[in-house]
Amino acid sequence: MYSTPTDLSIELPNGGPGPDPLRVDQVDADFVVLLFHRDFHCNNCQTQASEIAARYEEFRQHGAVVVSVLPESKPRAAEWATEYDLPFPVLADPDSTTADRFGQPVRFGVLGKLHDLIGRMPLVVIIDRRGEEPRLVYSYVGDAPGDRPTVDSLLLELERNG
């Protein structure tokens, strides 16, 4: 069961476009769409990031910045951002501390914790930054590697909350 995080702050090394380190409270956008990916090698994660990159201008038109969070080192995050030509930040969360705090699910117990590609499931959250305090307005918790929201559904959520 997903538990909504109480601390929505993030400050992580950024291997993609934007400031390094990146702090979510300093992002110039009304909304932050956080994509918590499974692993550097996850094909579904690569596809998701590439599909969002191809339509990134639509996210910007809704006042949103997309941010990928990888359970990898900063050099790996930079490699991922370059390889898929991502126009948005790719944050390095090598110990998965931030992903765990946000409730990214992990299956298969200890084995899943040891191998992100096996155990870690996708998570997407949207943070609304327009108020005095940021608030989580959407979360999609995947229960299988390919279980993630479509680009259209994310854009509809932004429109609904806009």
N, C-alpha and C. Protein backbone atom coordinates (compact mmCIF):
# COMPACT_ATOMS: atom_id res chain seq x y z
N MET A 1 0.84 -1.18 0.00
CA MET A 1 0.00 0.00 0.00
C MET A 1 0.89 1.25 0.00
N TYR A 2 0.52 2.24 -0.81
CA TYR A 2 1.30 3.47 -0.94
C TYR A 2 1.02 4.40 0.22
N SER A 3 2.07 4.95 0.78
CA SER A 3 1.96 5.90 1.87
C SER A 3 2.48 7.25 1.38
N THR A 4 1.64 8.26 1.42
CA THR A 4 2.01 9.59 0.93
C THR A 4 3.14 10.17 1.77
N PRO A 5 4.23 10.60 1.12
CA PRO A 5 5.34 11.18 1.88
C PRO A 5 4.95 12.52 2.49
N THR A 6 5.48 12.79 3.66
CA THR A 6 5.21 14.08 4.30
C THR A 6 6.28 15.11 3.94
N ASP A 7 7.47 14.64 3.60
CA ASP A 7 8.56 15.53 3.21
C ASP A 7 8.73 15.45 1.70
N LEU A 8 8.37 16.52 1.01
CA LEU A 8 8.43 16.54 -0.46
C LEU A 8 9.70 17.19 -0.99
N SER A 9 10.64 17.48 -0.11
CA SER A 9 11.88 18.13 -0.55
C SER A 9 12.79 17.11 -1.23
N ILE A 10 13.52 17.61 -2.20
CA ILE A 10 14.51 16.80 -2.91
C ILE A 10 15.70 17.70 -3.24
N GLU A 11 16.88 17.19 -2.96
CA GLU A 11 18.12 17.82 -3.43
C GLU A 11 19.05 16.69 -3.78
N LEU A 12 19.27 16.51 -5.09
CA LEU A 12 20.09 15.41 -5.59
C LEU A 12 20.99 15.89 -6.72
N PRO A 13 22.11 15.19 -6.95
CA PRO A 13 22.97 15.50 -8.09
C PRO A 13 22.20 15.32 -9.40
N ASN A 14 22.42 16.24 -10.32
CA ASN A 14 21.72 16.23 -11.60
C ASN A 14 22.68 15.91 -12.74
N GLY A 15 22.41 14.84 -13.47
CA GLY A 15 23.21 14.48 -14.63
C GLY A 15 22.63 14.98 -15.93
N GLY A 16 21.48 15.63 -15.88
CA GLY A 16 20.81 16.14 -17.08
C GLY A 16 20.80 17.66 -17.10
N PRO A 17 19.96 18.24 -17.96
CA PRO A 17 19.85 19.70 -18.02
C PRO A 17 19.37 20.29 -16.70
N GLY A 18 19.78 21.51 -16.43
CA GLY A 18 19.33 22.20 -15.23
C GLY A 18 20.42 22.28 -14.18
N PRO A 19 20.08 22.88 -13.05
CA PRO A 19 21.08 23.09 -12.00
C PRO A 19 21.55 21.78 -11.38
N ASP A 20 22.78 21.82 -10.88
CA ASP A 20 23.37 20.67 -10.20
C ASP A 20 24.05 21.15 -8.93
N PRO A 21 23.60 20.69 -7.78
CA PRO A 21 22.48 19.76 -7.58
C PRO A 21 21.15 20.46 -7.83
N LEU A 22 20.14 19.66 -8.04
CA LEU A 22 18.80 20.19 -8.28
C LEU A 22 17.99 20.09 -7.00
N ARG A 23 17.36 21.20 -6.66
CA ARG A 23 16.42 21.23 -5.53
C ARG A 23 15.03 21.48 -6.09
N VAL A 24 14.09 20.63 -5.75
CA VAL A 24 12.73 20.75 -6.28
C VAL A 24 12.10 22.08 -5.88
N ASP A 25 12.41 22.59 -4.70
CA ASP A 25 11.81 23.85 -4.28
C ASP A 25 12.37 25.06 -5.05
N GLN A 26 13.39 24.86 -5.87
CA GLN A 26 13.95 25.95 -6.66
C GLN A 26 13.63 25.81 -8.15
N VAL A 27 12.87 24.80 -8.51
CA VAL A 27 12.49 24.60 -9.92
C VAL A 27 11.50 25.69 -10.31
N ASP A 28 11.71 26.26 -11.48
CA ASP A 28 10.84 27.33 -11.98
C ASP A 28 9.66 26.71 -12.73
N ALA A 29 8.67 26.24 -11.97
CA ALA A 29 7.48 25.62 -12.55
C ALA A 29 6.40 25.54 -11.49
N ASP A 30 5.15 25.48 -11.94
CA ASP A 30 4.04 25.30 -11.02
C ASP A 30 3.96 23.85 -10.53
N PHE A 31 4.31 22.92 -11.42
CA PHE A 31 4.23 21.50 -11.10
C PHE A 31 5.56 20.81 -11.38
N VAL A 32 5.87 19.81 -10.58
CA VAL A 32 7.02 18.96 -10.82
C VAL A 32 6.50 17.53 -10.96
N VAL A 33 6.79 16.92 -12.10
CA VAL A 33 6.42 15.53 -12.35
C VAL A 33 7.67 14.70 -12.10
N LEU A 34 7.63 13.90 -11.04
CA LEU A 34 8.77 13.05 -10.69
C LEU A 34 8.56 11.64 -11.21
N LEU A 35 9.50 11.19 -12.03
CA LEU A 35 9.47 9.83 -12.55
C LEU A 35 10.52 9.03 -11.80
N PHE A 36 10.09 8.18 -10.89
CA PHE A 36 11.03 7.32 -10.16
C PHE A 36 11.21 6.05 -10.98
N HIS A 37 12.37 5.94 -11.60
CA HIS A 37 12.65 4.81 -12.48
C HIS A 37 13.22 3.63 -11.71
N ARG A 38 13.23 2.50 -12.37
CA ARG A 38 13.65 1.24 -11.75
C ARG A 38 15.15 1.04 -11.80
N ASP A 39 15.76 1.39 -12.94
CA ASP A 39 17.17 1.05 -13.14
C ASP A 39 17.65 1.66 -14.45
N PHE A 40 18.95 1.82 -14.58
CA PHE A 40 19.59 2.33 -15.80
C PHE A 40 19.22 1.47 -17.02
N HIS A 41 19.09 0.16 -16.81
CA HIS A 41 18.86 -0.78 -17.92
C HIS A 41 17.39 -1.06 -18.20
N CYS A 42 16.48 -0.50 -17.46
CA CYS A 42 15.05 -0.78 -17.60
C CYS A 42 14.51 -0.24 -18.92
N ASN A 43 14.12 -1.15 -19.81
CA ASN A 43 13.58 -0.74 -21.11
C ASN A 43 12.30 0.07 -20.98
N ASN A 44 11.42 -0.32 -20.06
CA ASN A 44 10.18 0.43 -19.86
C ASN A 44 10.46 1.85 -19.39
N CYS A 45 11.47 2.02 -18.56
CA CYS A 45 11.85 3.35 -18.07
C CYS A 45 12.41 4.19 -19.21
N GLN A 46 13.23 3.59 -20.03
CA GLN A 46 13.81 4.29 -21.18
C GLN A 46 12.71 4.74 -22.13
N THR A 47 11.75 3.86 -22.37
CA THR A 47 10.64 4.19 -23.26
C THR A 47 9.81 5.32 -22.68
N GLN A 48 9.49 5.24 -21.39
CA GLN A 48 8.71 6.27 -20.74
C GLN A 48 9.40 7.64 -20.85
N ALA A 49 10.68 7.69 -20.51
CA ALA A 49 11.43 8.94 -20.56
C ALA A 49 11.49 9.49 -21.99
N SER A 50 11.69 8.62 -22.95
CA SER A 50 11.77 9.05 -24.36
C SER A 50 10.43 9.58 -24.86
N GLU A 51 9.33 8.92 -24.48
CA GLU A 51 8.01 9.38 -24.89
C GLU A 51 7.69 10.74 -24.29
N ILE A 52 8.06 10.94 -23.04
CA ILE A 52 7.82 12.24 -22.40
C ILE A 52 8.72 13.30 -23.04
N ALA A 53 9.97 12.94 -23.35
CA ALA A 53 10.88 13.89 -23.99
C ALA A 53 10.32 14.36 -25.34
N ALA A 54 9.71 13.44 -26.09
CA ALA A 54 9.17 13.79 -27.40
C ALA A 54 8.00 14.77 -27.29
N ARG A 55 7.35 14.79 -26.14
CA ARG A 55 6.19 15.67 -25.95
C ARG A 55 6.43 16.67 -24.81
N TYR A 56 7.68 16.93 -24.53
CA TYR A 56 8.02 17.75 -23.37
C TYR A 56 7.42 19.15 -23.42
N GLU A 57 7.31 19.72 -24.58
CA GLU A 57 6.75 21.06 -24.71
C GLU A 57 5.32 21.11 -24.16
N GLU A 58 4.56 20.01 -24.30
CA GLU A 58 3.20 19.97 -23.77
C GLU A 58 3.22 20.05 -22.23
N PHE A 59 4.20 19.42 -21.60
CA PHE A 59 4.34 19.51 -20.15
C PHE A 59 4.65 20.95 -19.75
N ARG A 60 5.55 21.58 -20.48
CA ARG A 60 5.93 22.96 -20.18
C ARG A 60 4.72 23.90 -20.35
N GLN A 61 3.87 23.63 -21.34
CA GLN A 61 2.68 24.45 -21.55
C GLN A 61 1.72 24.36 -20.37
N HIS A 62 1.79 23.29 -19.62
CA HIS A 62 0.97 23.11 -18.42
C HIS A 62 1.69 23.60 -17.16
N GLY A 63 2.82 24.28 -17.35
CA GLY A 63 3.56 24.81 -16.22
C GLY A 63 4.31 23.75 -15.44
N ALA A 64 4.68 22.66 -16.10
CA ALA A 64 5.32 21.53 -15.42
C ALA A 64 6.75 21.31 -15.90
N VAL A 65 7.56 20.86 -14.97
CA VAL A 65 8.90 20.36 -15.27
C VAL A 65 8.89 18.88 -14.91
N VAL A 66 9.44 18.08 -15.79
CA VAL A 66 9.57 16.65 -15.53
C VAL A 66 10.97 16.41 -14.98
N VAL A 67 11.07 15.52 -14.01
CA VAL A 67 12.36 15.18 -13.41
C VAL A 67 12.43 13.67 -13.27
N SER A 68 13.44 13.06 -13.90
CA SER A 68 13.68 11.63 -13.73
C SER A 68 14.56 11.41 -12.52
N VAL A 69 14.27 10.36 -11.77
CA VAL A 69 15.09 9.99 -10.62
C VAL A 69 15.53 8.55 -10.83
N LEU A 70 16.85 8.37 -10.97
CA LEU A 70 17.42 7.04 -11.22
C LEU A 70 18.16 6.54 -9.98
N PRO A 71 18.02 5.26 -9.67
CA PRO A 71 18.80 4.70 -8.55
C PRO A 71 20.22 4.38 -9.00
N GLU A 72 20.91 5.42 -9.44
CA GLU A 72 22.25 5.29 -10.03
C GLU A 72 23.13 6.44 -9.59
N SER A 73 24.42 6.35 -9.94
CA SER A 73 25.37 7.42 -9.68
C SER A 73 25.13 8.59 -10.64
N LYS A 74 25.73 9.74 -10.33
CA LYS A 74 25.59 10.91 -11.20
C LYS A 74 26.16 10.64 -12.60
N PRO A 75 27.34 9.99 -12.75
CA PRO A 75 27.83 9.70 -14.10
C PRO A 75 26.85 8.82 -14.91
N ARG A 76 26.22 7.86 -14.24
CA ARG A 76 25.24 7.00 -14.93
C ARG A 76 24.00 7.81 -15.31
N ALA A 77 23.57 8.72 -14.43
CA ALA A 77 22.42 9.57 -14.73
C ALA A 77 22.75 10.47 -15.93
N ALA A 78 23.97 10.99 -15.98
CA ALA A 78 24.39 11.83 -17.10
C ALA A 78 24.43 11.02 -18.39
N GLU A 79 24.92 9.81 -18.31
CA GLU A 79 24.95 8.94 -19.49
C GLU A 79 23.53 8.67 -19.99
N TRP A 80 22.62 8.41 -19.09
CA TRP A 80 21.22 8.13 -19.43
C TRP A 80 20.59 9.35 -20.09
N ALA A 81 20.82 10.53 -19.51
CA ALA A 81 20.26 11.77 -20.07
C ALA A 81 20.77 12.02 -21.48
N THR A 82 22.06 11.77 -21.70
CA THR A 82 22.65 11.97 -23.02
C THR A 82 22.18 10.93 -24.02
N GLU A 83 22.17 9.68 -23.59
CA GLU A 83 21.81 8.58 -24.49
C GLU A 83 20.39 8.73 -25.03
N TYR A 84 19.47 9.23 -24.20
CA TYR A 84 18.08 9.36 -24.63
C TYR A 84 17.70 10.80 -24.95
N ASP A 85 18.70 11.70 -24.99
CA ASP A 85 18.51 13.09 -25.37
C ASP A 85 17.36 13.73 -24.59
N LEU A 86 17.44 13.61 -23.27
CA LEU A 86 16.35 14.09 -22.42
C LEU A 86 16.49 15.59 -22.16
N PRO A 87 15.40 16.34 -22.35
CA PRO A 87 15.43 17.80 -22.15
C PRO A 87 15.14 18.21 -20.72
N PHE A 88 15.11 17.26 -19.80
CA PHE A 88 14.77 17.54 -18.41
C PHE A 88 15.81 16.92 -17.48
N PRO A 89 15.83 17.35 -16.22
CA PRO A 89 16.82 16.84 -15.26
C PRO A 89 16.72 15.32 -15.06
N VAL A 90 17.87 14.71 -14.82
CA VAL A 90 17.95 13.29 -14.48
C VAL A 90 18.78 13.22 -13.19
N LEU A 91 18.10 12.97 -12.09
CA LEU A 91 18.74 13.01 -10.78
C LEU A 91 19.29 11.65 -10.39
N ALA A 92 20.42 11.69 -9.72
CA ALA A 92 21.08 10.48 -9.23
C ALA A 92 20.67 10.25 -7.78
N ASP A 93 20.10 9.08 -7.53
CA ASP A 93 19.69 8.67 -6.18
C ASP A 93 20.30 7.29 -5.92
N PRO A 94 21.65 7.22 -5.84
CA PRO A 94 22.33 5.92 -5.84
C PRO A 94 21.96 4.98 -4.70
N ASP A 95 21.60 5.53 -3.57
CA ASP A 95 21.21 4.68 -2.44
C ASP A 95 19.70 4.53 -2.34
N SER A 96 18.97 5.12 -3.29
CA SER A 96 17.49 5.08 -3.35
C SER A 96 16.85 5.67 -2.09
N THR A 97 17.56 6.54 -1.41
CA THR A 97 17.04 7.16 -0.20
C THR A 97 15.80 7.99 -0.49
N THR A 98 15.87 8.80 -1.55
CA THR A 98 14.73 9.64 -1.91
C THR A 98 13.58 8.79 -2.43
N ALA A 99 13.89 7.82 -3.27
CA ALA A 99 12.85 6.92 -3.80
C ALA A 99 12.14 6.19 -2.68
N ASP A 100 12.89 5.73 -1.70
CA ASP A 100 12.28 5.03 -0.56
C ASP A 100 11.41 5.99 0.25
N ARG A 101 11.89 7.22 0.44
CA ARG A 101 11.11 8.20 1.21
C ARG A 101 9.79 8.53 0.50
N PHE A 102 9.81 8.53 -0.83
CA PHE A 102 8.60 8.79 -1.60
C PHE A 102 7.73 7.54 -1.77
N GLY A 103 8.20 6.41 -1.28
CA GLY A 103 7.38 5.20 -1.28
C GLY A 103 7.45 4.37 -2.54
N GLN A 104 8.54 4.50 -3.31
CA GLN A 104 8.66 3.66 -4.51
C GLN A 104 8.68 2.20 -4.06
N PRO A 105 7.74 1.41 -4.57
CA PRO A 105 7.64 0.02 -4.10
C PRO A 105 8.79 -0.86 -4.57
N VAL A 106 9.12 -1.83 -3.72
CA VAL A 106 10.14 -2.82 -4.03
C VAL A 106 9.55 -4.19 -3.73
N ARG A 107 9.63 -5.08 -4.71
CA ARG A 107 9.14 -6.44 -4.52
C ARG A 107 10.29 -7.40 -4.24
N PHE A 108 9.96 -8.57 -3.81
CA PHE A 108 10.89 -9.68 -3.62
C PHE A 108 11.87 -9.49 -2.47
N GLY A 109 11.44 -8.76 -1.45
CA GLY A 109 12.21 -8.65 -0.21
C GLY A 109 13.65 -8.20 -0.39
N VAL A 110 14.56 -8.92 0.28
CA VAL A 110 15.98 -8.56 0.27
C VAL A 110 16.56 -8.62 -1.14
N LEU A 111 16.18 -9.63 -1.91
CA LEU A 111 16.68 -9.76 -3.28
C LEU A 111 16.29 -8.53 -4.11
N GLY A 112 15.05 -8.09 -3.97
CA GLY A 112 14.59 -6.90 -4.69
C GLY A 112 15.32 -5.65 -4.26
N LYS A 113 15.66 -5.55 -2.98
CA LYS A 113 16.41 -4.39 -2.48
C LYS A 113 17.84 -4.39 -3.02
N LEU A 114 18.40 -5.58 -3.26
CA LEU A 114 19.78 -5.68 -3.76
C LEU A 114 19.87 -5.39 -5.25
N HIS A 115 18.82 -5.69 -6.00
CA HIS A 115 18.84 -5.55 -7.46
C HIS A 115 17.62 -4.73 -7.90
N ASP A 116 17.85 -3.44 -8.16
CA ASP A 116 16.76 -2.54 -8.52
C ASP A 116 15.96 -3.04 -9.72
N LEU A 117 16.64 -3.56 -10.73
CA LEU A 117 15.95 -3.99 -11.94
C LEU A 117 14.98 -5.13 -11.66
N ILE A 118 15.27 -5.94 -10.66
CA ILE A 118 14.40 -7.05 -10.31
C ILE A 118 13.27 -6.58 -9.39
N GLY A 119 13.60 -5.80 -8.37
CA GLY A 119 12.62 -5.51 -7.34
C GLY A 119 11.91 -4.19 -7.39
N ARG A 120 12.57 -3.15 -7.87
CA ARG A 120 11.99 -1.80 -7.81
C ARG A 120 10.91 -1.65 -8.88
N MET A 121 9.77 -1.09 -8.48
CA MET A 121 8.66 -0.85 -9.39
C MET A 121 8.56 0.64 -9.70
N PRO A 122 7.93 1.00 -10.81
CA PRO A 122 7.85 2.42 -11.18
C PRO A 122 6.90 3.20 -10.27
N LEU A 123 7.22 4.48 -10.12
CA LEU A 123 6.40 5.41 -9.35
C LEU A 123 6.45 6.76 -10.05
N VAL A 124 5.29 7.41 -10.18
CA VAL A 124 5.23 8.77 -10.71
C VAL A 124 4.41 9.60 -9.74
N VAL A 125 4.94 10.75 -9.37
CA VAL A 125 4.19 11.68 -8.53
C VAL A 125 4.23 13.07 -9.15
N ILE A 126 3.18 13.83 -8.87
CA ILE A 126 3.12 15.23 -9.30
C ILE A 126 3.00 16.09 -8.06
N ILE A 127 3.90 17.06 -7.97
CA ILE A 127 3.91 18.01 -6.86
C ILE A 127 3.44 19.36 -7.37
N ASP A 128 2.47 19.93 -6.68
CA ASP A 128 1.97 21.27 -6.99
C ASP A 128 2.76 22.25 -6.12
N ARG A 129 3.46 23.18 -6.76
CA ARG A 129 4.32 24.13 -6.04
C ARG A 129 3.69 25.52 -5.93
N ARG A 130 2.43 25.67 -6.33
CA ARG A 130 1.84 27.01 -6.40
C ARG A 130 1.50 27.60 -5.04
N GLY A 131 1.24 26.79 -4.06
CA GLY A 131 0.88 27.31 -2.74
C GLY A 131 2.09 27.66 -1.90
N GLU A 132 1.82 28.01 -0.67
CA GLU A 132 2.90 28.35 0.25
C GLU A 132 3.77 27.13 0.53
N GLU A 133 3.14 25.97 0.62
CA GLU A 133 3.85 24.70 0.82
C GLU A 133 3.56 23.78 -0.37
N PRO A 134 4.56 23.07 -0.87
CA PRO A 134 4.29 22.12 -1.96
C PRO A 134 3.36 21.01 -1.47
N ARG A 135 2.55 20.51 -2.40
CA ARG A 135 1.68 19.40 -2.02
C ARG A 135 1.61 18.38 -3.13
N LEU A 136 1.53 17.14 -2.73
CA LEU A 136 1.43 16.04 -3.67
C LEU A 136 -0.01 15.95 -4.15
N VAL A 137 -0.21 16.05 -5.47
CA VAL A 137 -1.57 16.05 -6.01
C VAL A 137 -1.88 14.80 -6.84
N TYR A 138 -0.85 13.98 -7.09
CA TYR A 138 -1.07 12.78 -7.91
C TYR A 138 0.05 11.79 -7.64
N SER A 139 -0.32 10.53 -7.59
CA SER A 139 0.68 9.47 -7.54
C SER A 139 0.18 8.26 -8.30
N TYR A 140 1.07 7.63 -9.00
CA TYR A 140 0.78 6.40 -9.73
C TYR A 140 1.84 5.39 -9.31
N VAL A 141 1.39 4.35 -8.63
CA VAL A 141 2.29 3.34 -8.09
C VAL A 141 2.17 2.09 -8.95
N GLY A 142 3.23 1.77 -9.68
CA GLY A 142 3.21 0.59 -10.54
C GLY A 142 3.36 -0.69 -9.74
N ASP A 143 2.61 -1.72 -10.14
CA ASP A 143 2.75 -3.01 -9.46
C ASP A 143 3.43 -4.06 -10.34
N ALA A 144 3.91 -3.60 -11.51
CA ALA A 144 4.67 -4.46 -12.42
C ALA A 144 5.61 -3.54 -13.20
N PRO A 145 6.68 -4.08 -13.78
CA PRO A 145 7.65 -3.23 -14.48
C PRO A 145 7.05 -2.33 -15.56
N GLY A 146 6.05 -2.79 -16.27
CA GLY A 146 5.46 -1.99 -17.34
C GLY A 146 4.26 -1.18 -16.91
N ASP A 147 3.88 -1.26 -15.64
CA ASP A 147 2.70 -0.57 -15.14
C ASP A 147 3.05 0.87 -14.78
N ARG A 148 2.73 1.76 -15.68
CA ARG A 148 3.03 3.18 -15.48
C ARG A 148 2.02 4.01 -16.27
N PRO A 149 1.83 5.26 -15.89
CA PRO A 149 0.84 6.08 -16.59
C PRO A 149 1.31 6.45 -17.99
N THR A 150 0.35 6.67 -18.88
CA THR A 150 0.67 7.12 -20.23
C THR A 150 0.99 8.62 -20.19
N VAL A 151 1.62 9.08 -21.23
CA VAL A 151 1.90 10.51 -21.35
C VAL A 151 0.59 11.29 -21.35
N ASP A 152 -0.40 10.80 -22.09
CA ASP A 152 -1.70 11.49 -22.14
C ASP A 152 -2.33 11.59 -20.76
N SER A 153 -2.26 10.52 -19.98
CA SER A 153 -2.88 10.57 -18.65
C SER A 153 -2.16 11.55 -17.73
N LEU A 154 -0.85 11.66 -17.85
CA LEU A 154 -0.11 12.65 -17.05
C LEU A 154 -0.49 14.08 -17.45
N LEU A 155 -0.62 14.30 -18.75
CA LEU A 155 -1.01 15.63 -19.22
C LEU A 155 -2.43 15.97 -18.77
N LEU A 156 -3.32 14.99 -18.76
CA LEU A 156 -4.69 15.21 -18.27
C LEU A 156 -4.70 15.55 -16.78
N GLU A 157 -3.83 14.90 -16.00
CA GLU A 157 -3.73 15.22 -14.57
C GLU A 157 -3.26 16.66 -14.37
N LEU A 158 -2.30 17.07 -15.16
CA LEU A 158 -1.81 18.45 -15.06
C LEU A 158 -2.91 19.44 -15.43
N GLU A 159 -3.65 19.12 -16.46
CA GLU A 159 -4.77 19.98 -16.87
C GLU A 159 -5.83 20.04 -15.78
N ARG A 160 -6.13 18.89 -15.19
CA ARG A 160 -7.15 18.81 -14.13
C ARG A 160 -6.74 19.62 -12.91
N ASN A 161 -5.45 19.61 -12.60
CA ASN A 161 -4.96 20.32 -11.41
C ASN A 161 -4.59 21.78 -11.69
N GLY A 162 -4.53 22.13 -12.97
CA GLY A 162 -4.07 23.47 -13.37
C GLY A 162 -4.98 24.58 -13.11
